[in-house]
Amino acid sequence: MPDIILPGPAGRIEARYLRQKAPNAPMALILHSHPQYGGTMNNPLVYELYHRFHKLGCTTVRFNFRGVGRSQGSFDNGAGELSDAATVLDWMSTLYPNPTHCWVAGISFGAWIGMQLLMRRPEITGFISIAPQANLYDFAFLAPCPASGLFVHGTKDQVVPEADVQKLVDRLSAQRGIKITYTKIDGANHFFDNHMPEVVDIVEDYAKRRMASTDGGR
């Protein structure tokens, strides 16, 4: 599990990556939750998704947003964090320029950043948004959403009401050319306490099915 330091827009970016030998292996970038509320690349769900995507054959990267761990800089309300994510994806794309798939998976705040990155980077073929903060952040930029993806949310989320995520899913599902999959986890809170294995299995099943389809599941 190489520990790497990348040059970023606010200084160094601390990251970890697991590579695949195949030059065209799929890639996955995992984005952690809010830096000011304990989010890091070492959070258990980030860690589990990181290893699960690698198990699925992906070259996988997780990193700390600016101001977290050994990443330099300070919290920038999303704009700087989006730049951090774009910088890491640039590095991944330079090393592996022709992946068969490119995933961005984000948790909470990271889901908001991931969806913005999706809009800016046409090489991203699928997204995973876990507990997106649809009640706090504006997702209106997804017009139209450029790729199909998966939303996962808990019915007992105490930070983001499930109804707000349902509204976002309904709006995106009305767009033509993409397919939005929405899985609700009964009884799960915002942090998926006691439900983490279920989340990871849902993501694995979805990603495996998408990567097995001849058209990438777009």
C-alpha atoms as a PDB file:
ATOM      1  CA  MET A   1       0.000   0.000   0.000  1.00  0.00           C
ATOM      2  CA  PRO A   2       2.303   2.810  -1.215  1.00  0.00           C
ATOM      3  CA  ASP A   3       2.236   6.023   0.817  1.00  0.00           C
ATOM      4  CA  ILE A   4       2.641   8.867  -1.658  1.00  0.00           C
ATOM      5  CA  ILE A   5       2.908  12.643  -1.490  1.00  0.00           C
ATOM      6  CA  LEU A   6       1.635  14.581  -4.510  1.00  0.00           C
ATOM      7  CA  PRO A   7       2.185  18.273  -5.277  1.00  0.00           C
ATOM      8  CA  GLY A   8      -1.195  19.977  -4.958  1.00  0.00           C
ATOM      9  CA  PRO A   9      -2.638  23.474  -5.360  1.00  0.00           C
ATOM     10  CA  ALA A  10      -2.270  24.167  -1.611  1.00  0.00           C
ATOM     11  CA  GLY A  11       0.943  22.203  -1.077  1.00  0.00           C
ATOM     12  CA  ARG A  12       1.489  18.515  -0.644  1.00  0.00           C
ATOM     13  CA  ILE A  13      -1.371  15.991  -0.796  1.00  0.00           C
ATOM     14  CA  GLU A  14      -1.073  12.815   1.260  1.00  0.00           C
ATOM     15  CA  ALA A  15      -2.424   9.754  -0.530  1.00  0.00           C
ATOM     16  CA  ARG A  16      -2.407   5.963  -0.636  1.00  0.00           C
ATOM     17  CA  TYR A  17      -2.834   3.804  -3.686  1.00  0.00           C
ATOM     18  CA  LEU A  18      -3.149   0.192  -4.708  1.00  0.00           C
ATOM     19  CA  ARG A  19      -2.287  -0.491  -8.319  1.00  0.00           C
ATOM     20  CA  GLN A  20      -3.166  -3.184 -10.799  1.00  0.00           C
ATOM     21  CA  LYS A  21      -0.651  -4.614 -13.253  1.00  0.00           C
ATOM     22  CA  ALA A  22      -2.884  -4.338 -16.311  1.00  0.00           C
ATOM     23  CA  PRO A  23      -2.197  -1.000 -18.042  1.00  0.00           C
ATOM     24  CA  ASN A  24      -5.870  -0.478 -18.878  1.00  0.00           C
ATOM     25  CA  ALA A  25      -7.244  -1.594 -15.516  1.00  0.00           C
ATOM     26  CA  PRO A  26     -10.233   0.382 -14.211  1.00  0.00           C
ATOM     27  CA  MET A  27      -9.576   3.148 -11.686  1.00  0.00           C
ATOM     28  CA  ALA A  28     -11.390   4.301  -8.558  1.00  0.00           C
ATOM     29  CA  LEU A  29     -10.913   7.491  -6.551  1.00  0.00           C
ATOM     30  CA  ILE A  30     -12.353   7.494  -3.010  1.00  0.00           C
ATOM     31  CA  LEU A  31     -13.252  10.831  -1.345  1.00  0.00           C
ATOM     32  CA  HIS A  32     -13.649  11.125   2.418  1.00  0.00           C
ATOM     33  CA  SER A  33     -16.266  12.995   4.435  1.00  0.00           C
ATOM     34  CA  HIS A  34     -16.142  16.552   5.817  1.00  0.00           C
ATOM     35  CA  PRO A  35     -12.626  17.538   6.961  1.00  0.00           C
ATOM     36  CA  GLN A  36     -13.949  19.712   9.790  1.00  0.00           C
ATOM     37  CA  TYR A  37     -16.017  16.887  11.288  1.00  0.00           C
ATOM     38  CA  GLY A  38     -13.402  14.179  11.490  1.00  0.00           C
ATOM     39  CA  GLY A  39     -13.321  13.062   7.867  1.00  0.00           C
ATOM     40  CA  THR A  40     -10.029  11.511   6.717  1.00  0.00           C
ATOM     41  CA  MET A  41      -8.849   8.958   4.200  1.00  0.00           C
ATOM     42  CA  ASN A  42      -8.448   6.543   7.118  1.00  0.00           C
ATOM     43  CA  ASN A  43     -12.137   6.523   8.050  1.00  0.00           C
ATOM     44  CA  PRO A  44     -13.352   2.902   8.125  1.00  0.00           C
ATOM     45  CA  LEU A  45     -15.807   3.207   5.228  1.00  0.00           C
ATOM     46  CA  VAL A  46     -13.229   4.940   3.006  1.00  0.00           C
ATOM     47  CA  TYR A  47     -10.721   2.233   3.886  1.00  0.00           C
ATOM     48  CA  GLU A  48     -13.166  -0.593   3.135  1.00  0.00           C
ATOM     49  CA  LEU A  49     -14.261   0.887  -0.199  1.00  0.00           C
ATOM     50  CA  TYR A  50     -10.629   1.438  -1.156  1.00  0.00           C
ATOM     51  CA  HIS A  51      -9.822  -2.233  -0.658  1.00  0.00           C
ATOM     52  CA  ARG A  52     -13.080  -3.479  -2.169  1.00  0.00           C
ATOM     53  CA  PHE A  53     -12.536  -1.558  -5.424  1.00  0.00           C
ATOM     54  CA  HIS A  54      -9.027  -2.985  -5.587  1.00  0.00           C
ATOM     55  CA  LYS A  55     -10.485  -6.452  -5.112  1.00  0.00           C
ATOM     56  CA  LEU A  56     -12.711  -5.719  -8.114  1.00  0.00           C
ATOM     57  CA  GLY A  57      -9.613  -5.103 -10.241  1.00  0.00           C
ATOM     58  CA  CYS A  58      -9.313  -1.329  -9.943  1.00  0.00           C
ATOM     59  CA  THR A  59      -6.226   0.757  -9.374  1.00  0.00           C
ATOM     60  CA  THR A  60      -7.529   2.586  -6.325  1.00  0.00           C
ATOM     61  CA  VAL A  61      -6.548   5.851  -4.637  1.00  0.00           C
ATOM     62  CA  ARG A  62      -7.635   7.568  -1.428  1.00  0.00           C
ATOM     63  CA  PHE A  63      -6.199  10.838  -0.145  1.00  0.00           C
ATOM     64  CA  ASN A  64      -6.566  13.501   2.497  1.00  0.00           C
ATOM     65  CA  PHE A  65      -8.134  16.795   1.495  1.00  0.00           C
ATOM     66  CA  ARG A  66      -6.104  19.915   2.281  1.00  0.00           C
ATOM     67  CA  GLY A  67      -5.512  20.481   5.976  1.00  0.00           C
ATOM     68  CA  VAL A  68      -6.121  16.826   6.893  1.00  0.00           C
ATOM     69  CA  GLY A  69      -3.329  14.533   8.049  1.00  0.00           C
ATOM     70  CA  ARG A  70      -0.142  15.396   6.202  1.00  0.00           C
ATOM     71  CA  SER A  71      -1.936  17.276   3.408  1.00  0.00           C
ATOM     72  CA  GLN A  72      -1.045  20.952   3.492  1.00  0.00           C
ATOM     73  CA  GLY A  73      -3.407  23.921   3.313  1.00  0.00           C
ATOM     74  CA  SER A  74      -6.645  24.628   5.125  1.00  0.00           C
ATOM     75  CA  PHE A  75     -10.330  23.911   4.591  1.00  0.00           C
ATOM     76  CA  ASP A  76     -11.693  25.828   1.592  1.00  0.00           C
ATOM     77  CA  ASN A  77     -15.462  25.191   1.710  1.00  0.00           C
ATOM     78  CA  GLY A  78     -15.351  22.855  -1.266  1.00  0.00           C
ATOM     79  CA  ALA A  79     -13.583  24.864  -3.977  1.00  0.00           C
ATOM     80  CA  GLY A  80     -10.086  23.921  -2.878  1.00  0.00           C
ATOM     81  CA  GLU A  81     -11.109  20.371  -2.081  1.00  0.00           C
ATOM     82  CA  LEU A  82     -12.431  19.990  -5.629  1.00  0.00           C
ATOM     83  CA  SER A  83      -9.048  21.180  -6.891  1.00  0.00           C
ATOM     84  CA  ASP A  84      -7.355  18.604  -4.673  1.00  0.00           C
ATOM     85  CA  ALA A  85      -9.508  15.821  -6.123  1.00  0.00           C
ATOM     86  CA  ALA A  86      -8.839  17.005  -9.682  1.00  0.00           C
ATOM     87  CA  THR A  87      -5.097  17.026  -8.984  1.00  0.00           C
ATOM     88  CA  VAL A  88      -5.169  13.436  -7.736  1.00  0.00           C
ATOM     89  CA  LEU A  89      -7.234  12.335 -10.732  1.00  0.00           C
ATOM     90  CA  ASP A  90      -4.708  14.076 -13.006  1.00  0.00           C
ATOM     91  CA  TRP A  91      -1.949  12.017 -11.405  1.00  0.00           C
ATOM     92  CA  MET A  92      -3.942   8.817 -11.815  1.00  0.00           C
ATOM     93  CA  SER A  93      -4.740   9.595 -15.447  1.00  0.00           C
ATOM     94  CA  THR A  94      -1.090  10.297 -16.247  1.00  0.00           C
ATOM     95  CA  LEU A  95      -0.003   6.926 -14.897  1.00  0.00           C
ATOM     96  CA  TYR A  96      -2.994   5.030 -16.299  1.00  0.00           C
ATOM     97  CA  PRO A  97      -4.255   6.961 -19.337  1.00  0.00           C
ATOM     98  CA  ASN A  98      -6.650   4.354 -20.765  1.00  0.00           C
ATOM     99  CA  PRO A  99      -8.661   2.744 -17.966  1.00  0.00           C
ATOM    100  CA  THR A 100     -11.619   0.612 -18.976  1.00  0.00           C
ATOM    101  CA  HIS A 101     -13.653   2.418 -16.290  1.00  0.00           C
ATOM    102  CA  CYS A 102     -13.099   5.390 -14.032  1.00  0.00           C
ATOM    103  CA  TRP A 103     -15.035   5.619 -10.761  1.00  0.00           C
ATOM    104  CA  VAL A 104     -15.400   8.414  -8.270  1.00  0.00           C
ATOM    105  CA  ALA A 105     -16.841   7.387  -4.907  1.00  0.00           C
ATOM    106  CA  GLY A 106     -17.572   9.967  -2.207  1.00  0.00           C
ATOM    107  CA  ILE A 107     -18.995   9.904   1.292  1.00  0.00           C
ATOM    108  CA  SER A 108     -21.133  12.791   2.618  1.00  0.00           C
ATOM    109  CA  PHE A 109     -19.137  15.977   1.840  1.00  0.00           C
ATOM    110  CA  GLY A 110     -16.954  13.819  -0.405  1.00  0.00           C
ATOM    111  CA  ALA A 111     -20.035  12.835  -2.415  1.00  0.00           C
ATOM    112  CA  TRP A 112     -20.684  16.521  -3.169  1.00  0.00           C
ATOM    113  CA  ILE A 113     -17.077  16.985  -4.281  1.00  0.00           C
ATOM    114  CA  GLY A 114     -17.233  13.787  -6.319  1.00  0.00           C
ATOM    115  CA  MET A 115     -20.328  14.880  -8.218  1.00  0.00           C
ATOM    116  CA  GLN A 116     -18.695  18.206  -9.068  1.00  0.00           C
ATOM    117  CA  LEU A 117     -15.613  16.358 -10.309  1.00  0.00           C
ATOM    118  CA  LEU A 118     -17.895  14.165 -12.403  1.00  0.00           C
ATOM    119  CA  MET A 119     -19.214  17.242 -14.190  1.00  0.00           C
ATOM    120  CA  ARG A 120     -15.705  18.424 -15.066  1.00  0.00           C
ATOM    121  CA  ARG A 121     -14.010  15.198 -16.062  1.00  0.00           C
ATOM    122  CA  PRO A 122     -15.456  13.255 -19.001  1.00  0.00           C
ATOM    123  CA  GLU A 123     -13.215  10.266 -18.289  1.00  0.00           C
ATOM    124  CA  ILE A 124     -15.302   9.441 -15.205  1.00  0.00           C
ATOM    125  CA  THR A 125     -17.727   6.704 -16.251  1.00  0.00           C
ATOM    126  CA  GLY A 126     -19.558   6.076 -12.983  1.00  0.00           C
ATOM    127  CA  PHE A 127     -20.130   7.524  -9.534  1.00  0.00           C
ATOM    128  CA  ILE A 128     -20.946   6.288  -6.041  1.00  0.00           C
ATOM    129  CA  SER A 129     -22.549   8.864  -3.720  1.00  0.00           C
ATOM    130  CA  ILE A 130     -22.938   7.680  -0.133  1.00  0.00           C
ATOM    131  CA  ALA A 131     -24.997   9.828   2.271  1.00  0.00           C
ATOM    132  CA  PRO A 132     -24.816  12.948   0.062  1.00  0.00           C
ATOM    133  CA  GLN A 133     -25.731  16.106   1.957  1.00  0.00           C
ATOM    134  CA  ALA A 134     -28.559  17.085  -0.361  1.00  0.00           C
ATOM    135  CA  ASN A 135     -30.097  19.274   2.340  1.00  0.00           C
ATOM    136  CA  LEU A 136     -26.955  21.384   2.827  1.00  0.00           C
ATOM    137  CA  TYR A 137     -25.309  21.585  -0.579  1.00  0.00           C
ATOM    138  CA  ASP A 138     -26.687  22.604  -3.942  1.00  0.00           C
ATOM    139  CA  PHE A 139     -26.584  19.818  -6.537  1.00  0.00           C
ATOM    140  CA  ALA A 140     -28.230  21.939  -9.248  1.00  0.00           C
ATOM    141  CA  PHE A 141     -24.996  21.809 -11.259  1.00  0.00           C
ATOM    142  CA  LEU A 142     -25.971  18.269 -12.301  1.00  0.00           C
ATOM    143  CA  ALA A 143     -27.793  19.539 -15.350  1.00  0.00           C
ATOM    144  CA  PRO A 144     -27.473  17.193 -17.015  1.00  0.00           C
ATOM    145  CA  CYS A 145     -25.720  14.509 -15.005  1.00  0.00           C
ATOM    146  CA  PRO A 146     -23.126  13.058 -17.404  1.00  0.00           C
ATOM    147  CA  ALA A 147     -22.937   9.455 -16.134  1.00  0.00           C
ATOM    148  CA  SER A 148     -24.970   6.797 -14.407  1.00  0.00           C
ATOM    149  CA  GLY A 149     -24.337   6.068 -10.765  1.00  0.00           C
ATOM    150  CA  LEU A 150     -25.387   4.789  -7.373  1.00  0.00           C
ATOM    151  CA  PHE A 151     -26.767   6.624  -4.338  1.00  0.00           C
ATOM    152  CA  VAL A 152     -26.747   4.930  -0.935  1.00  0.00           C
ATOM    153  CA  HIS A 153     -28.499   6.471   2.069  1.00  0.00           C
ATOM    154  CA  GLY A 154     -29.759   5.418   5.474  1.00  0.00           C
ATOM    155  CA  THR A 155     -33.413   5.736   6.403  1.00  0.00           C
ATOM    156  CA  LYS A 156     -32.418   6.969   9.886  1.00  0.00           C
ATOM    157  CA  ASP A 157     -29.824   9.492   8.754  1.00  0.00           C
ATOM    158  CA  GLN A 158     -29.837  12.178  11.460  1.00  0.00           C
ATOM    159  CA  VAL A 159     -27.812  14.679   9.378  1.00  0.00           C
ATOM    160  CA  VAL A 160     -29.506  14.427   5.974  1.00  0.00           C
ATOM    161  CA  PRO A 161     -33.221  13.556   5.805  1.00  0.00           C
ATOM    162  CA  GLU A 162     -33.761  10.691   3.413  1.00  0.00           C
ATOM    163  CA  ALA A 163     -36.520  12.658   1.680  1.00  0.00           C
ATOM    164  CA  ASP A 164     -33.981  15.237   0.484  1.00  0.00           C
ATOM    165  CA  VAL A 165     -31.884  12.558  -1.171  1.00  0.00           C
ATOM    166  CA  GLN A 166     -35.002  11.055  -2.738  1.00  0.00           C
ATOM    167  CA  LYS A 167     -35.798  14.440  -4.301  1.00  0.00           C
ATOM    168  CA  LEU A 168     -32.302  14.623  -5.782  1.00  0.00           C
ATOM    169  CA  VAL A 169     -32.553  11.086  -7.112  1.00  0.00           C
ATOM    170  CA  ASP A 170     -35.967  11.797  -8.643  1.00  0.00           C
ATOM    171  CA  ARG A 171     -34.650  14.903 -10.380  1.00  0.00           C
ATOM    172  CA  LEU A 172     -31.654  13.107 -11.833  1.00  0.00           C
ATOM    173  CA  SER A 173     -33.693  10.054 -12.805  1.00  0.00           C
ATOM    174  CA  ALA A 174     -35.879  12.268 -14.983  1.00  0.00           C
ATOM    175  CA  GLN A 175     -32.885  13.047 -17.181  1.00  0.00           C
ATOM    176  CA  ARG A 176     -32.480  11.023 -20.347  1.00  0.00           C
ATOM    177  CA  GLY A 177     -29.505   8.820 -21.153  1.00  0.00           C
ATOM    178  CA  ILE A 178     -28.444   7.873 -17.648  1.00  0.00           C
ATOM    179  CA  LYS A 179     -29.639   5.467 -14.991  1.00  0.00           C
ATOM    180  CA  ILE A 180     -29.661   6.371 -11.319  1.00  0.00           C
ATOM    181  CA  THR A 181     -29.758   3.519  -8.834  1.00  0.00           C
ATOM    182  CA  TYR A 182     -30.868   4.380  -5.304  1.00  0.00           C
ATOM    183  CA  THR A 183     -30.493   1.968  -2.395  1.00  0.00           C
ATOM    184  CA  LYS A 184     -31.881   2.827   1.035  1.00  0.00           C
ATOM    185  CA  ILE A 185     -30.462   1.015   4.045  1.00  0.00           C
ATOM    186  CA  ASP A 186     -33.174   0.495   6.600  1.00  0.00           C
ATOM    187  CA  GLY A 187     -32.270   1.807  10.047  1.00  0.00           C
ATOM    188  CA  ALA A 188     -28.856   3.179   9.060  1.00  0.00           C
ATOM    189  CA  ASN A 189     -27.670   6.546  10.349  1.00  0.00           C
ATOM    190  CA  HIS A 190     -25.404   9.056   8.606  1.00  0.00           C
ATOM    191  CA  PHE A 191     -22.287   7.121   9.621  1.00  0.00           C
ATOM    192  CA  PHE A 192     -23.755   3.686   8.829  1.00  0.00           C
ATOM    193  CA  ASP A 193     -22.947   2.422  12.306  1.00  0.00           C
ATOM    194  CA  ASN A 194     -23.514  -1.368  12.312  1.00  0.00           C
ATOM    195  CA  HIS A 195     -24.339  -1.212   8.580  1.00  0.00           C
ATOM    196  CA  MET A 196     -20.930  -0.699   6.986  1.00  0.00           C
ATOM    197  CA  PRO A 197     -20.542  -4.210   5.532  1.00  0.00           C
ATOM    198  CA  GLU A 198     -23.938  -3.797   3.885  1.00  0.00           C
ATOM    199  CA  VAL A 199     -22.866  -0.508   2.261  1.00  0.00           C
ATOM    200  CA  VAL A 200     -19.646  -1.999   0.913  1.00  0.00           C
ATOM    201  CA  ASP A 201     -21.449  -5.060  -0.463  1.00  0.00           C
ATOM    202  CA  ILE A 202     -24.021  -2.844  -2.208  1.00  0.00           C
ATOM    203  CA  VAL A 203     -21.257  -0.814  -3.829  1.00  0.00           C
ATOM    204  CA  GLU A 204     -19.377  -3.934  -4.891  1.00  0.00           C
ATOM    205  CA  ASP A 205     -22.454  -5.530  -6.460  1.00  0.00           C
ATOM    206  CA  TYR A 206     -23.271  -2.350  -8.347  1.00  0.00           C
ATOM    207  CA  ALA A 207     -19.726  -1.723  -9.590  1.00  0.00           C
ATOM    208  CA  LYS A 208     -19.243  -5.346 -10.606  1.00  0.00           C
ATOM    209  CA  ARG A 209     -22.454  -5.320 -12.620  1.00  0.00           C
ATOM    210  CA  ARG A 210     -21.587  -2.031 -14.330  1.00  0.00           C
ATOM    211  CA  MET A 211     -18.080  -3.129 -15.261  1.00  0.00           C
ATOM    212  CA  ALA A 212     -19.366  -6.435 -16.627  1.00  0.00           C
ATOM    213  CA  SER A 213     -21.779  -4.748 -19.049  1.00  0.00           C
ATOM    214  CA  THR A 214     -20.546  -4.243 -22.573  1.00  0.00           C
ATOM    215  CA  ASP A 215     -21.432  -0.546 -22.695  1.00  0.00           C
ATOM    216  CA  GLY A 216     -20.104   0.281 -19.214  1.00  0.00           C
ATOM    217  CA  GLY A 217     -23.640   0.648 -17.965  1.00  0.00           C
ATOM    218  CA  ARG A 218     -23.894   4.225 -19.149  1.00  0.00           C
END
